[in-house]
Amino acid sequence: MARAAGLLLVVAALPLLANLPQNAAQNPGTLSHGFHVSMLTCAELFLLGAMVAWYGIGRPGRLAGSARHRHCTLAAPTLAPPP
Protein backbone atom coordinates (compact mmCIF):
# COMPACT_ATOMS: atom_id res chain seq x y z
CA MET A 1 0.00 0.00 0.00
CA ALA A 2 2.80 2.41 0.88
CA ARG A 3 4.59 1.63 -2.38
CA ALA A 4 1.49 2.43 -4.40
CA ALA A 5 0.94 5.67 -2.53
CA GLY A 6 4.58 6.67 -3.01
CA LEU A 7 4.45 5.82 -6.69
CA LEU A 8 1.29 7.85 -7.20
CA LEU A 9 2.83 10.77 -5.36
CA VAL A 10 5.96 10.70 -7.52
CA VAL A 11 3.95 10.38 -10.74
CA ALA A 12 1.81 13.35 -9.74
CA ALA A 13 4.71 15.50 -8.54
CA LEU A 14 7.24 14.73 -11.28
CA PRO A 15 5.78 17.10 -13.91
CA LEU A 16 5.74 19.86 -11.30
CA LEU A 17 9.37 19.17 -10.37
CA ALA A 18 10.38 19.13 -14.04
CA ASN A 19 8.54 22.44 -14.57
CA LEU A 20 6.47 21.02 -17.43
CA PRO A 21 3.63 23.20 -18.66
CA GLN A 22 0.29 21.62 -19.58
CA ASN A 23 0.94 22.08 -23.31
CA ALA A 24 4.38 20.41 -23.24
CA ALA A 25 3.20 17.71 -25.65
CA GLN A 26 2.88 20.29 -28.45
CA ASN A 27 6.39 21.70 -27.93
CA PRO A 28 9.12 19.08 -28.50
CA GLY A 29 11.87 21.22 -27.00
CA THR A 30 10.00 21.74 -23.76
CA LEU A 31 9.07 18.07 -23.59
CA SER A 32 12.70 17.01 -24.17
CA HIS A 33 13.95 19.32 -21.44
CA GLY A 34 11.25 18.09 -19.06
CA PHE A 35 12.17 14.48 -19.83
CA HIS A 36 15.84 15.08 -18.99
CA VAL A 37 14.96 16.88 -15.76
CA SER A 38 12.56 14.07 -14.85
CA MET A 39 15.21 11.41 -15.43
CA LEU A 40 17.72 13.27 -13.27
CA THR A 41 15.10 13.65 -10.55
CA CYS A 42 14.31 9.93 -10.67
CA ALA A 43 18.03 9.10 -10.46
CA GLU A 44 18.40 11.36 -7.43
CA LEU A 45 15.41 9.72 -5.73
CA PHE A 46 16.87 6.30 -6.52
CA LEU A 47 20.20 7.24 -4.93
CA LEU A 48 18.42 8.70 -1.92
CA GLY A 49 16.49 5.45 -1.48
CA ALA A 50 19.70 3.44 -1.78
CA MET A 51 21.39 5.55 0.89
CA VAL A 52 18.42 5.21 3.24
CA ALA A 53 18.43 1.44 2.72
CA TRP A 54 22.20 1.21 3.25
CA TYR A 55 22.07 3.18 6.49
CA GLY A 56 18.72 1.82 7.67
CA ILE A 57 19.21 -1.91 7.19
CA GLY A 58 21.48 -3.34 9.84
CA ARG A 59 24.45 -5.43 8.81
CA PRO A 60 24.74 -8.71 10.74
CA GLY A 61 28.54 -8.45 10.91
CA ARG A 62 28.29 -5.51 13.31
CA LEU A 63 26.53 -7.50 16.02
CA ALA A 64 28.48 -9.26 18.72
CA GLY A 65 28.27 -13.03 18.71
CA SER A 66 26.24 -13.22 21.91
CA ALA A 67 23.63 -10.77 20.63
CA ARG A 68 23.24 -12.73 17.40
CA HIS A 69 22.72 -16.03 19.24
CA ARG A 70 20.42 -14.46 21.80
CA HIS A 71 18.20 -13.16 19.00
CA CYS A 72 18.04 -16.59 17.37
CA THR A 73 17.23 -18.46 20.57
CA LEU A 74 14.56 -15.94 21.53
CA ALA A 75 12.96 -16.14 18.10
CA ALA A 76 12.75 -19.97 17.96
CA PRO A 77 13.90 -21.56 21.22
CA THR A 78 12.57 -25.04 20.37
CA LEU A 79 14.09 -25.22 16.89
CA ALA A 80 17.62 -24.06 17.62
CA PRO A 81 20.06 -26.02 19.81
CA PRO A 82 21.61 -24.05 22.69
CA PRO A 83 24.93 -22.38 21.79
C-alpha atoms as a PDB file:
ATOM      1  CA  MET A   1       0.000   0.000   0.000  1.00  0.00           C
ATOM      2  CA  ALA A   2       2.797   2.409   0.879  1.00  0.00           C
ATOM      3  CA  ARG A   3       4.592   1.631  -2.377  1.00  0.00           C
ATOM      4  CA  ALA A   4       1.485   2.425  -4.403  1.00  0.00           C
ATOM      5  CA  ALA A   5       0.943   5.668  -2.531  1.00  0.00           C
ATOM      6  CA  GLY A   6       4.576   6.670  -3.005  1.00  0.00           C
ATOM      7  CA  LEU A   7       4.446   5.822  -6.692  1.00  0.00           C
ATOM      8  CA  LEU A   8       1.293   7.853  -7.201  1.00  0.00           C
ATOM      9  CA  LEU A   9       2.829  10.771  -5.358  1.00  0.00           C
ATOM     10  CA  VAL A  10       5.958  10.699  -7.520  1.00  0.00           C
ATOM     11  CA  VAL A  11       3.955  10.382 -10.741  1.00  0.00           C
ATOM     12  CA  ALA A  12       1.809  13.346  -9.739  1.00  0.00           C
ATOM     13  CA  ALA A  13       4.707  15.504  -8.544  1.00  0.00           C
ATOM     14  CA  LEU A  14       7.236  14.727 -11.285  1.00  0.00           C
ATOM     15  CA  PRO A  15       5.777  17.104 -13.908  1.00  0.00           C
ATOM     16  CA  LEU A  16       5.741  19.855 -11.304  1.00  0.00           C
ATOM     17  CA  LEU A  17       9.369  19.173 -10.368  1.00  0.00           C
ATOM     18  CA  ALA A  18      10.378  19.134 -14.035  1.00  0.00           C
ATOM     19  CA  ASN A  19       8.543  22.442 -14.570  1.00  0.00           C
ATOM     20  CA  LEU A  20       6.471  21.015 -17.429  1.00  0.00           C
ATOM     21  CA  PRO A  21       3.626  23.204 -18.656  1.00  0.00           C
ATOM     22  CA  GLN A  22       0.294  21.617 -19.579  1.00  0.00           C
ATOM     23  CA  ASN A  23       0.940  22.077 -23.307  1.00  0.00           C
ATOM     24  CA  ALA A  24       4.375  20.411 -23.239  1.00  0.00           C
ATOM     25  CA  ALA A  25       3.198  17.706 -25.647  1.00  0.00           C
ATOM     26  CA  GLN A  26       2.878  20.290 -28.445  1.00  0.00           C
ATOM     27  CA  ASN A  27       6.392  21.699 -27.928  1.00  0.00           C
ATOM     28  CA  PRO A  28       9.122  19.075 -28.497  1.00  0.00           C
ATOM     29  CA  GLY A  29      11.871  21.224 -26.998  1.00  0.00           C
ATOM     30  CA  THR A  30       9.995  21.742 -23.758  1.00  0.00           C
ATOM     31  CA  LEU A  31       9.072  18.067 -23.595  1.00  0.00           C
ATOM     32  CA  SER A  32      12.698  17.008 -24.173  1.00  0.00           C
ATOM     33  CA  HIS A  33      13.955  19.315 -21.438  1.00  0.00           C
ATOM     34  CA  GLY A  34      11.255  18.095 -19.057  1.00  0.00           C
ATOM     35  CA  PHE A  35      12.174  14.484 -19.834  1.00  0.00           C
ATOM     36  CA  HIS A  36      15.838  15.079 -18.988  1.00  0.00           C
ATOM     37  CA  VAL A  37      14.963  16.877 -15.763  1.00  0.00           C
ATOM     38  CA  SER A  38      12.563  14.065 -14.849  1.00  0.00           C
ATOM     39  CA  MET A  39      15.213  11.410 -15.429  1.00  0.00           C
ATOM     40  CA  LEU A  40      17.722  13.271 -13.265  1.00  0.00           C
ATOM     41  CA  THR A  41      15.098  13.653 -10.551  1.00  0.00           C
ATOM     42  CA  CYS A  42      14.315   9.926 -10.666  1.00  0.00           C
ATOM     43  CA  ALA A  43      18.032   9.102 -10.461  1.00  0.00           C
ATOM     44  CA  GLU A  44      18.403  11.361  -7.426  1.00  0.00           C
ATOM     45  CA  LEU A  45      15.414   9.721  -5.731  1.00  0.00           C
ATOM     46  CA  PHE A  46      16.871   6.300  -6.516  1.00  0.00           C
ATOM     47  CA  LEU A  47      20.196   7.241  -4.929  1.00  0.00           C
ATOM     48  CA  LEU A  48      18.416   8.699  -1.923  1.00  0.00           C
ATOM     49  CA  GLY A  49      16.486   5.455  -1.476  1.00  0.00           C
ATOM     50  CA  ALA A  50      19.700   3.441  -1.780  1.00  0.00           C
ATOM     51  CA  MET A  51      21.395   5.546   0.890  1.00  0.00           C
ATOM     52  CA  VAL A  52      18.418   5.212   3.235  1.00  0.00           C
ATOM     53  CA  ALA A  53      18.435   1.444   2.723  1.00  0.00           C
ATOM     54  CA  TRP A  54      22.198   1.209   3.246  1.00  0.00           C
ATOM     55  CA  TYR A  55      22.069   3.176   6.491  1.00  0.00           C
ATOM     56  CA  GLY A  56      18.724   1.823   7.667  1.00  0.00           C
ATOM     57  CA  ILE A  57      19.210  -1.906   7.195  1.00  0.00           C
ATOM     58  CA  GLY A  58      21.484  -3.344   9.839  1.00  0.00           C
ATOM     59  CA  ARG A  59      24.448  -5.433   8.807  1.00  0.00           C
ATOM     60  CA  PRO A  60      24.742  -8.713  10.736  1.00  0.00           C
ATOM     61  CA  GLY A  61      28.537  -8.454  10.907  1.00  0.00           C
ATOM     62  CA  ARG A  62      28.288  -5.509  13.305  1.00  0.00           C
ATOM     63  CA  LEU A  63      26.525  -7.496  16.022  1.00  0.00           C
ATOM     64  CA  ALA A  64      28.482  -9.259  18.718  1.00  0.00           C
ATOM     65  CA  GLY A  65      28.266 -13.032  18.712  1.00  0.00           C
ATOM     66  CA  SER A  66      26.235 -13.219  21.908  1.00  0.00           C
ATOM     67  CA  ALA A  67      23.625 -10.773  20.635  1.00  0.00           C
ATOM     68  CA  ARG A  68      23.235 -12.732  17.402  1.00  0.00           C
ATOM     69  CA  HIS A  69      22.717 -16.030  19.235  1.00  0.00           C
ATOM     70  CA  ARG A  70      20.420 -14.461  21.798  1.00  0.00           C
ATOM     71  CA  HIS A  71      18.195 -13.162  19.003  1.00  0.00           C
ATOM     72  CA  CYS A  72      18.040 -16.593  17.368  1.00  0.00           C
ATOM     73  CA  THR A  73      17.233 -18.461  20.568  1.00  0.00           C
ATOM     74  CA  LEU A  74      14.557 -15.943  21.525  1.00  0.00           C
ATOM     75  CA  ALA A  75      12.957 -16.141  18.099  1.00  0.00           C
ATOM     76  CA  ALA A  76      12.748 -19.966  17.955  1.00  0.00           C
ATOM     77  CA  PRO A  77      13.900 -21.558  21.220  1.00  0.00           C
ATOM     78  CA  THR A  78      12.566 -25.036  20.375  1.00  0.00           C
ATOM     79  CA  LEU A  79      14.091 -25.221  16.886  1.00  0.00           C
ATOM     80  CA  ALA A  80      17.625 -24.059  17.617  1.00  0.00           C
ATOM     81  CA  PRO A  81      20.064 -26.018  19.811  1.00  0.00           C
ATOM     82  CA  PRO A  82      21.610 -24.050  22.686  1.00  0.00           C
ATOM     83  CA  PRO A  83      24.931 -22.377  21.794  1.00  0.00           C
END
